Amino acid sequence: MSGIIPAYSPAPNPSQDPAGVDLLSVTIKPSIMLWRIETLVYLVALGLATIALIPFFATAFYWSLLWLVVAGGMLGVMRKSWKAKNQLAVSVSLQNSRWRLRIASDDYLVAPCGDIVLWGHLVLLPLQETASGRRHFIIALEDSMTAEEWRRLRVWLKTRLHKQPSADIQ
């Protein structure tokens, strides 16, 4: 089952949610599965570049230099991906109609700033800081959190978020 939940106004709507049900804090770690898929894509791209340039290696020296530049770029991107995989977990919660994002020891008030993608094994949660306007795109896969937190986040997004009126944060 998949769905896209349109952007909404974070203002509470008491007629639809009289109990004020909040989303308890969920901790989202970087996904190992996403890192493996990303690494595989980079390695396939490097392999295809190698296959494409092999016939030209003997014709001129600059083709091998081009391959070295491509390989160096791929290794740099893979290194950046490795660092991103080892980042600290983030925590997202909703209390009293206020979204909170905790990164390391920093706590930000945020609001959804676009369509939230809710697929079977993937949740994309675009958030924008209310004070600075800085955007955060939270990518959550099943291995990013515990099974209970994954279930709680998906159920909350399916049952509560789509009931609020639609409007974008500027």
N, C-alpha and C. Protein backbone atom coordinates (compact mmCIF):
# COMPACT_ATOMS: atom_id res chain seq x y z
N MET A 1 0.85 -1.16 0.00
CA MET A 1 0.00 0.00 0.00
C MET A 1 0.89 1.23 0.00
N SER A 2 0.57 2.19 -0.82
CA SER A 2 1.37 3.39 -0.88
C SER A 2 0.46 4.60 -0.89
N GLY A 3 1.03 5.74 -0.64
CA GLY A 3 0.24 6.95 -0.67
C GLY A 3 1.10 8.17 -0.51
N ILE A 4 0.60 9.27 -0.97
CA ILE A 4 1.24 10.55 -0.78
C ILE A 4 0.27 11.41 0.01
N ILE A 5 0.73 11.89 1.13
CA ILE A 5 -0.10 12.71 1.99
C ILE A 5 0.20 14.16 1.65
N PRO A 6 -0.78 14.91 1.16
CA PRO A 6 -0.52 16.30 0.77
C PRO A 6 -0.07 17.15 1.95
N ALA A 7 0.62 18.23 1.61
CA ALA A 7 1.08 19.16 2.64
C ALA A 7 -0.13 19.68 3.40
N TYR A 8 0.11 20.09 4.63
CA TYR A 8 -1.02 20.52 5.44
C TYR A 8 -0.58 21.64 6.37
N SER A 9 -1.56 22.29 6.92
CA SER A 9 -1.32 23.33 7.91
C SER A 9 -1.22 22.67 9.28
N PRO A 10 -0.16 23.00 10.06
CA PRO A 10 -0.03 22.34 11.35
C PRO A 10 -1.00 22.84 12.41
N ALA A 11 -1.91 23.74 12.06
CA ALA A 11 -2.87 24.25 13.03
C ALA A 11 -3.81 23.13 13.45
N PRO A 12 -4.09 23.02 14.73
CA PRO A 12 -4.96 21.94 15.18
C PRO A 12 -6.40 22.16 14.73
N ASN A 13 -7.10 21.06 14.55
CA ASN A 13 -8.50 21.11 14.17
C ASN A 13 -9.27 20.34 15.24
N PRO A 14 -9.77 21.02 16.27
CA PRO A 14 -10.38 20.32 17.40
C PRO A 14 -11.59 19.49 17.03
N SER A 15 -12.32 19.84 15.98
CA SER A 15 -13.50 19.07 15.63
C SER A 15 -13.13 17.69 15.11
N GLN A 16 -11.92 17.54 14.52
CA GLN A 16 -11.52 16.25 13.98
C GLN A 16 -10.69 15.45 14.97
N ASP A 17 -10.02 16.11 15.87
CA ASP A 17 -9.12 15.42 16.78
C ASP A 17 -9.29 15.96 18.19
N PRO A 18 -10.41 15.65 18.84
CA PRO A 18 -10.67 16.24 20.15
C PRO A 18 -9.70 15.78 21.22
N ALA A 19 -9.13 14.60 21.08
CA ALA A 19 -8.23 14.11 22.11
C ALA A 19 -6.84 14.69 21.98
N GLY A 20 -6.52 15.33 20.84
CA GLY A 20 -5.19 15.89 20.64
C GLY A 20 -4.12 14.81 20.63
N VAL A 21 -4.36 13.74 19.89
CA VAL A 21 -3.42 12.61 19.87
C VAL A 21 -2.10 13.07 19.28
N ASP A 22 -1.04 12.84 20.02
CA ASP A 22 0.29 13.24 19.60
C ASP A 22 1.07 12.04 19.10
N LEU A 23 2.12 12.33 18.34
CA LEU A 23 3.04 11.30 17.89
C LEU A 23 4.18 11.25 18.89
N LEU A 24 4.32 10.13 19.57
CA LEU A 24 5.44 9.98 20.48
C LEU A 24 6.74 10.02 19.69
N SER A 25 7.80 10.32 20.35
CA SER A 25 9.09 10.44 19.70
C SER A 25 9.50 9.14 19.02
N VAL A 26 9.91 9.24 17.74
CA VAL A 26 10.47 8.11 17.02
C VAL A 26 11.90 8.46 16.64
N THR A 27 12.81 7.54 16.86
CA THR A 27 14.22 7.75 16.56
C THR A 27 14.54 7.09 15.24
N ILE A 28 15.06 7.88 14.30
CA ILE A 28 15.34 7.40 12.96
C ILE A 28 16.85 7.41 12.75
N LYS A 29 17.41 6.21 12.57
CA LYS A 29 18.84 6.06 12.30
C LYS A 29 19.06 6.00 10.79
N PRO A 30 20.27 6.32 10.32
CA PRO A 30 20.55 6.13 8.89
C PRO A 30 20.40 4.66 8.51
N SER A 31 19.81 4.40 7.38
CA SER A 31 19.50 3.04 6.95
C SER A 31 20.71 2.35 6.32
N ILE A 32 21.02 1.17 6.80
CA ILE A 32 22.09 0.36 6.22
C ILE A 32 21.66 -0.12 4.83
N MET A 33 20.39 -0.49 4.67
CA MET A 33 19.89 -0.96 3.39
C MET A 33 20.01 0.13 2.32
N LEU A 34 19.68 1.36 2.66
CA LEU A 34 19.78 2.47 1.72
C LEU A 34 21.24 2.70 1.34
N TRP A 35 22.16 2.61 2.31
CA TRP A 35 23.58 2.78 2.02
C TRP A 35 24.08 1.68 1.08
N ARG A 36 23.65 0.46 1.30
CA ARG A 36 24.07 -0.65 0.42
C ARG A 36 23.56 -0.45 -1.00
N ILE A 37 22.33 -0.02 -1.15
CA ILE A 37 21.77 0.23 -2.48
C ILE A 37 22.53 1.36 -3.16
N GLU A 38 22.81 2.41 -2.43
CA GLU A 38 23.55 3.55 -2.97
C GLU A 38 24.95 3.13 -3.41
N THR A 39 25.63 2.34 -2.58
CA THR A 39 26.97 1.86 -2.92
C THR A 39 26.93 0.98 -4.16
N LEU A 40 25.94 0.12 -4.27
CA LEU A 40 25.79 -0.73 -5.44
C LEU A 40 25.61 0.10 -6.71
N VAL A 41 24.81 1.15 -6.63
CA VAL A 41 24.59 2.02 -7.79
C VAL A 41 25.91 2.68 -8.21
N TYR A 42 26.70 3.16 -7.25
CA TYR A 42 27.98 3.79 -7.57
C TYR A 42 28.94 2.79 -8.20
N LEU A 43 28.99 1.57 -7.67
CA LEU A 43 29.90 0.56 -8.22
C LEU A 43 29.48 0.14 -9.64
N VAL A 44 28.18 0.03 -9.88
CA VAL A 44 27.70 -0.29 -11.22
C VAL A 44 28.05 0.84 -12.18
N ALA A 45 27.88 2.09 -11.76
CA ALA A 45 28.22 3.23 -12.61
C ALA A 45 29.72 3.24 -12.92
N LEU A 46 30.55 2.93 -11.94
CA LEU A 46 32.00 2.87 -12.17
C LEU A 46 32.34 1.73 -13.12
N GLY A 47 31.68 0.59 -12.96
CA GLY A 47 31.90 -0.54 -13.86
C GLY A 47 31.50 -0.21 -15.29
N LEU A 48 30.36 0.45 -15.45
CA LEU A 48 29.92 0.84 -16.80
C LEU A 48 30.85 1.86 -17.42
N ALA A 49 31.36 2.80 -16.63
CA ALA A 49 32.33 3.77 -17.14
C ALA A 49 33.61 3.06 -17.57
N THR A 50 34.02 2.06 -16.81
CA THR A 50 35.22 1.30 -17.16
C THR A 50 35.01 0.56 -18.48
N ILE A 51 33.87 -0.11 -18.61
CA ILE A 51 33.58 -0.85 -19.84
C ILE A 51 33.52 0.10 -21.04
N ALA A 52 32.95 1.27 -20.85
CA ALA A 52 32.83 2.23 -21.95
C ALA A 52 34.19 2.81 -22.36
N LEU A 53 35.12 2.95 -21.43
CA LEU A 53 36.39 3.59 -21.73
C LEU A 53 37.51 2.62 -22.08
N ILE A 54 37.35 1.33 -21.81
CA ILE A 54 38.42 0.36 -22.10
C ILE A 54 38.89 0.41 -23.56
N PRO A 55 38.02 0.47 -24.56
CA PRO A 55 38.52 0.52 -25.95
C PRO A 55 39.37 1.75 -26.26
N PHE A 56 39.20 2.81 -25.48
CA PHE A 56 39.92 4.04 -25.77
C PHE A 56 41.24 4.18 -25.01
N PHE A 57 41.51 3.30 -24.05
CA PHE A 57 42.73 3.41 -23.25
C PHE A 57 43.99 3.35 -24.10
N ALA A 58 44.01 2.52 -25.13
CA ALA A 58 45.21 2.36 -25.97
C ALA A 58 45.37 3.48 -26.98
N THR A 59 44.30 4.22 -27.29
CA THR A 59 44.37 5.24 -28.34
C THR A 59 45.03 6.53 -27.86
N ALA A 60 44.78 6.93 -26.63
CA ALA A 60 45.37 8.17 -26.11
C ALA A 60 45.44 8.09 -24.59
N PHE A 61 46.45 8.75 -24.03
CA PHE A 61 46.67 8.68 -22.58
C PHE A 61 45.57 9.37 -21.78
N TYR A 62 44.92 10.37 -22.35
CA TYR A 62 43.94 11.14 -21.57
C TYR A 62 42.68 10.35 -21.26
N TRP A 63 42.40 9.26 -21.97
CA TRP A 63 41.24 8.43 -21.63
C TRP A 63 41.44 7.74 -20.29
N SER A 64 42.67 7.29 -20.05
CA SER A 64 42.93 6.67 -18.74
C SER A 64 42.88 7.73 -17.63
N LEU A 65 43.30 8.95 -17.93
CA LEU A 65 43.18 10.04 -16.95
C LEU A 65 41.71 10.36 -16.67
N LEU A 66 40.89 10.33 -17.73
CA LEU A 66 39.46 10.56 -17.55
C LEU A 66 38.87 9.48 -16.65
N TRP A 67 39.28 8.23 -16.87
CA TRP A 67 38.78 7.15 -16.02
C TRP A 67 39.21 7.37 -14.57
N LEU A 68 40.45 7.80 -14.35
CA LEU A 68 40.92 8.07 -12.99
C LEU A 68 40.11 9.19 -12.32
N VAL A 69 39.75 10.21 -13.09
CA VAL A 69 38.93 11.29 -12.54
C VAL A 69 37.54 10.76 -12.16
N VAL A 70 36.95 9.95 -13.04
CA VAL A 70 35.64 9.37 -12.75
C VAL A 70 35.72 8.46 -11.52
N ALA A 71 36.74 7.61 -11.46
CA ALA A 71 36.91 6.70 -10.32
C ALA A 71 37.14 7.49 -9.03
N GLY A 72 37.95 8.55 -9.09
CA GLY A 72 38.18 9.38 -7.91
C GLY A 72 36.90 10.06 -7.45
N GLY A 73 36.09 10.54 -8.39
CA GLY A 73 34.81 11.16 -8.05
C GLY A 73 33.86 10.17 -7.39
N MET A 74 33.82 8.97 -7.94
CA MET A 74 32.96 7.92 -7.36
C MET A 74 33.42 7.56 -5.95
N LEU A 75 34.73 7.44 -5.76
CA LEU A 75 35.24 7.12 -4.42
C LEU A 75 34.95 8.25 -3.44
N GLY A 76 35.04 9.50 -3.89
CA GLY A 76 34.70 10.63 -3.03
C GLY A 76 33.24 10.62 -2.62
N VAL A 77 32.37 10.32 -3.57
CA VAL A 77 30.93 10.27 -3.27
C VAL A 77 30.63 9.10 -2.34
N MET A 78 31.30 7.96 -2.55
CA MET A 78 31.09 6.81 -1.68
C MET A 78 31.58 7.10 -0.26
N ARG A 79 32.68 7.85 -0.15
CA ARG A 79 33.20 8.23 1.17
C ARG A 79 32.20 9.13 1.90
N LYS A 80 31.62 10.08 1.16
CA LYS A 80 30.61 10.96 1.76
C LYS A 80 29.39 10.14 2.19
N SER A 81 29.01 9.16 1.38
CA SER A 81 27.89 8.29 1.72
C SER A 81 28.20 7.48 2.98
N TRP A 82 29.45 7.02 3.12
CA TRP A 82 29.86 6.27 4.31
C TRP A 82 29.75 7.14 5.56
N LYS A 83 30.18 8.40 5.45
CA LYS A 83 30.07 9.31 6.59
C LYS A 83 28.61 9.56 6.95
N ALA A 84 27.74 9.71 5.95
CA ALA A 84 26.32 9.93 6.20
C ALA A 84 25.70 8.72 6.89
N LYS A 85 26.18 7.52 6.53
CA LYS A 85 25.66 6.30 7.14
C LYS A 85 25.98 6.24 8.63
N ASN A 86 27.09 6.83 9.02
CA ASN A 86 27.52 6.78 10.41
C ASN A 86 27.10 8.01 11.22
N GLN A 87 26.20 8.82 10.68
CA GLN A 87 25.72 9.99 11.42
C GLN A 87 24.84 9.56 12.59
N LEU A 88 24.61 10.51 13.46
CA LEU A 88 23.74 10.26 14.61
C LEU A 88 22.29 10.15 14.18
N ALA A 89 21.53 9.46 14.96
CA ALA A 89 20.11 9.31 14.70
C ALA A 89 19.38 10.63 14.98
N VAL A 90 18.25 10.82 14.29
CA VAL A 90 17.40 11.98 14.54
C VAL A 90 16.12 11.48 15.20
N SER A 91 15.48 12.38 15.92
CA SER A 91 14.25 12.03 16.62
C SER A 91 13.16 13.02 16.19
N VAL A 92 11.99 12.48 15.84
CA VAL A 92 10.86 13.30 15.41
C VAL A 92 9.69 13.02 16.35
N SER A 93 9.01 14.09 16.78
CA SER A 93 7.83 13.92 17.63
C SER A 93 6.85 15.06 17.35
N LEU A 94 5.62 14.85 17.79
CA LEU A 94 4.58 15.85 17.67
C LEU A 94 3.88 15.94 19.02
N GLN A 95 3.95 17.14 19.63
CA GLN A 95 3.33 17.35 20.93
C GLN A 95 2.58 18.67 20.89
N ASN A 96 1.33 18.64 21.27
CA ASN A 96 0.48 19.83 21.29
C ASN A 96 0.49 20.54 19.93
N SER A 97 0.36 19.76 18.86
CA SER A 97 0.33 20.25 17.48
C SER A 97 1.62 20.96 17.08
N ARG A 98 2.72 20.66 17.72
CA ARG A 98 4.02 21.24 17.37
C ARG A 98 5.00 20.10 17.08
N TRP A 99 5.54 20.11 15.86
CA TRP A 99 6.52 19.12 15.47
C TRP A 99 7.88 19.49 16.05
N ARG A 100 8.59 18.50 16.53
CA ARG A 100 9.94 18.70 17.05
C ARG A 100 10.89 17.75 16.36
N LEU A 101 12.06 18.28 16.00
CA LEU A 101 13.12 17.48 15.39
C LEU A 101 14.35 17.63 16.27
N ARG A 102 14.88 16.50 16.74
CA ARG A 102 16.07 16.51 17.56
C ARG A 102 17.21 15.86 16.79
N ILE A 103 18.25 16.65 16.54
CA ILE A 103 19.46 16.15 15.89
C ILE A 103 20.60 16.34 16.89
N ALA A 104 21.20 15.22 17.29
CA ALA A 104 22.22 15.22 18.34
C ALA A 104 21.59 15.86 19.58
N SER A 105 22.13 16.98 20.06
CA SER A 105 21.57 17.63 21.24
C SER A 105 20.76 18.88 20.88
N ASP A 106 20.64 19.17 19.58
CA ASP A 106 19.89 20.35 19.13
C ASP A 106 18.42 19.97 18.92
N ASP A 107 17.54 20.86 19.37
CA ASP A 107 16.10 20.64 19.25
C ASP A 107 15.52 21.77 18.39
N TYR A 108 14.77 21.41 17.35
CA TYR A 108 14.20 22.39 16.43
C TYR A 108 12.69 22.23 16.38
N LEU A 109 11.99 23.37 16.30
CA LEU A 109 10.57 23.35 15.99
C LEU A 109 10.46 23.32 14.47
N VAL A 110 9.75 22.34 13.94
CA VAL A 110 9.64 22.18 12.50
C VAL A 110 8.18 21.98 12.13
N ALA A 111 7.93 22.03 10.83
CA ALA A 111 6.59 21.76 10.30
C ALA A 111 6.78 21.05 8.96
N PRO A 112 5.89 20.13 8.61
CA PRO A 112 5.98 19.51 7.28
C PRO A 112 5.89 20.57 6.20
N CYS A 113 6.72 20.45 5.16
CA CYS A 113 6.79 21.50 4.14
C CYS A 113 6.58 20.94 2.74
N GLY A 114 5.79 19.95 2.60
CA GLY A 114 5.53 19.37 1.29
C GLY A 114 4.77 18.08 1.46
N ASP A 115 4.73 17.34 0.38
CA ASP A 115 4.02 16.06 0.42
C ASP A 115 4.85 15.02 1.15
N ILE A 116 4.22 14.33 2.05
CA ILE A 116 4.86 13.23 2.78
C ILE A 116 4.58 11.96 1.99
N VAL A 117 5.65 11.26 1.63
CA VAL A 117 5.51 10.02 0.86
C VAL A 117 5.48 8.85 1.83
N LEU A 118 4.47 8.03 1.71
CA LEU A 118 4.27 6.90 2.61
C LEU A 118 4.06 5.66 1.76
N TRP A 119 5.15 4.92 1.52
CA TRP A 119 5.07 3.68 0.74
C TRP A 119 5.24 2.51 1.69
N GLY A 120 5.18 1.32 1.17
CA GLY A 120 5.24 0.13 1.99
C GLY A 120 6.49 0.03 2.86
N HIS A 121 7.65 0.32 2.29
CA HIS A 121 8.90 0.17 3.03
C HIS A 121 9.66 1.49 3.14
N LEU A 122 9.01 2.61 2.84
CA LEU A 122 9.70 3.90 2.80
C LEU A 122 8.78 5.01 3.28
N VAL A 123 9.34 5.91 4.07
CA VAL A 123 8.65 7.13 4.48
C VAL A 123 9.59 8.30 4.20
N LEU A 124 9.13 9.28 3.41
CA LEU A 124 9.88 10.51 3.17
C LEU A 124 9.14 11.63 3.89
N LEU A 125 9.83 12.27 4.80
CA LEU A 125 9.21 13.29 5.64
C LEU A 125 9.96 14.61 5.46
N PRO A 126 9.45 15.52 4.62
CA PRO A 126 10.10 16.82 4.45
C PRO A 126 9.67 17.77 5.57
N LEU A 127 10.65 18.29 6.29
CA LEU A 127 10.37 19.20 7.41
C LEU A 127 11.12 20.51 7.20
N GLN A 128 10.52 21.59 7.69
CA GLN A 128 11.14 22.91 7.59
C GLN A 128 11.16 23.55 8.97
N GLU A 129 12.33 24.07 9.35
CA GLU A 129 12.43 24.76 10.64
C GLU A 129 11.59 26.02 10.58
N THR A 130 10.81 26.25 11.63
CA THR A 130 9.94 27.42 11.64
C THR A 130 10.73 28.71 11.87
N ALA A 131 11.83 28.64 12.59
CA ALA A 131 12.61 29.84 12.87
C ALA A 131 13.49 30.26 11.69
N SER A 132 14.26 29.34 11.14
CA SER A 132 15.24 29.70 10.11
C SER A 132 14.80 29.37 8.70
N GLY A 133 13.81 28.51 8.54
CA GLY A 133 13.38 28.12 7.21
C GLY A 133 14.22 27.01 6.59
N ARG A 134 15.21 26.53 7.31
CA ARG A 134 16.07 25.45 6.81
C ARG A 134 15.25 24.16 6.66
N ARG A 135 15.49 23.42 5.58
CA ARG A 135 14.72 22.21 5.32
C ARG A 135 15.53 20.96 5.67
N HIS A 136 14.80 19.97 6.15
CA HIS A 136 15.37 18.66 6.46
C HIS A 136 14.50 17.63 5.77
N PHE A 137 15.12 16.69 5.05
CA PHE A 137 14.39 15.61 4.40
C PHE A 137 14.75 14.32 5.12
N ILE A 138 13.80 13.80 5.87
CA ILE A 138 14.01 12.59 6.65
C ILE A 138 13.59 11.40 5.79
N ILE A 139 14.53 10.48 5.56
CA ILE A 139 14.26 9.26 4.81
C ILE A 139 14.28 8.12 5.81
N ALA A 140 13.16 7.42 5.92
CA ALA A 140 13.06 6.32 6.87
C ALA A 140 12.70 5.04 6.13
N LEU A 141 13.51 4.02 6.33
CA LEU A 141 13.21 2.68 5.85
C LEU A 141 12.96 1.81 7.07
N GLU A 142 12.51 0.59 6.83
CA GLU A 142 12.16 -0.28 7.95
C GLU A 142 13.34 -0.53 8.88
N ASP A 143 14.57 -0.55 8.34
CA ASP A 143 15.72 -0.81 9.20
C ASP A 143 16.24 0.46 9.88
N SER A 144 15.54 1.58 9.69
CA SER A 144 15.96 2.84 10.30
C SER A 144 15.50 2.98 11.75
N MET A 145 14.54 2.16 12.17
CA MET A 145 14.00 2.27 13.51
C MET A 145 13.48 0.91 13.96
N THR A 146 13.07 0.85 15.20
CA THR A 146 12.53 -0.41 15.70
C THR A 146 11.18 -0.69 15.03
N ALA A 147 10.76 -1.93 15.08
CA ALA A 147 9.50 -2.32 14.45
C ALA A 147 8.32 -1.58 15.08
N GLU A 148 8.36 -1.38 16.39
CA GLU A 148 7.27 -0.67 17.07
C GLU A 148 7.22 0.79 16.62
N GLU A 149 8.38 1.45 16.54
CA GLU A 149 8.40 2.85 16.09
C GLU A 149 7.97 2.96 14.63
N TRP A 150 8.39 2.03 13.79
CA TRP A 150 7.99 2.02 12.38
C TRP A 150 6.46 1.91 12.26
N ARG A 151 5.88 0.99 13.01
CA ARG A 151 4.44 0.80 12.99
C ARG A 151 3.73 2.06 13.50
N ARG A 152 4.22 2.60 14.62
CA ARG A 152 3.59 3.78 15.21
C ARG A 152 3.63 4.97 14.26
N LEU A 153 4.77 5.21 13.60
CA LEU A 153 4.89 6.33 12.67
C LEU A 153 3.95 6.16 11.48
N ARG A 154 3.93 4.99 10.90
CA ARG A 154 3.08 4.76 9.73
C ARG A 154 1.60 4.85 10.08
N VAL A 155 1.21 4.26 11.18
CA VAL A 155 -0.20 4.32 11.58
C VAL A 155 -0.59 5.76 11.88
N TRP A 156 0.25 6.49 12.59
CA TRP A 156 -0.08 7.88 12.90
C TRP A 156 -0.19 8.70 11.62
N LEU A 157 0.75 8.54 10.70
CA LEU A 157 0.69 9.31 9.46
C LEU A 157 -0.56 8.96 8.64
N LYS A 158 -0.92 7.70 8.61
CA LYS A 158 -2.10 7.29 7.83
C LYS A 158 -3.40 7.78 8.45
N THR A 159 -3.51 7.76 9.76
CA THR A 159 -4.79 8.05 10.40
C THR A 159 -4.97 9.50 10.81
N ARG A 160 -3.92 10.21 11.14
CA ARG A 160 -4.07 11.56 11.68
C ARG A 160 -3.70 12.66 10.71
N LEU A 161 -2.62 12.50 10.00
CA LEU A 161 -2.08 13.60 9.23
C LEU A 161 -2.97 13.99 8.06
N HIS A 162 -3.56 13.04 7.38
CA HIS A 162 -4.35 13.37 6.20
C HIS A 162 -5.68 14.04 6.55
N LYS A 163 -6.06 14.06 7.82
CA LYS A 163 -7.33 14.66 8.21
C LYS A 163 -7.25 16.18 8.36
N GLN A 164 -6.02 16.71 8.38
CA GLN A 164 -5.88 18.14 8.60
C GLN A 164 -5.99 18.87 7.27
N PRO A 165 -6.41 20.15 7.27
CA PRO A 165 -6.61 20.88 6.02
C PRO A 165 -5.30 21.08 5.27
N SER A 166 -5.40 21.23 3.98
CA SER A 166 -4.23 21.30 3.11
C SER A 166 -3.79 22.77 2.92
N ALA A 167 -2.50 23.02 3.12
CA ALA A 167 -1.88 24.32 2.85
C ALA A 167 -0.37 24.14 2.95
N ASP A 168 0.38 24.90 2.20
CA ASP A 168 1.85 24.81 2.21
C ASP A 168 2.45 25.89 3.09
N ILE A 169 3.60 25.57 3.68
CA ILE A 169 4.35 26.57 4.46
C ILE A 169 5.18 27.36 3.47
N GLN A 170 5.14 28.63 3.58
CA GLN A 170 5.91 29.47 2.66
C GLN A 170 7.28 29.78 3.21
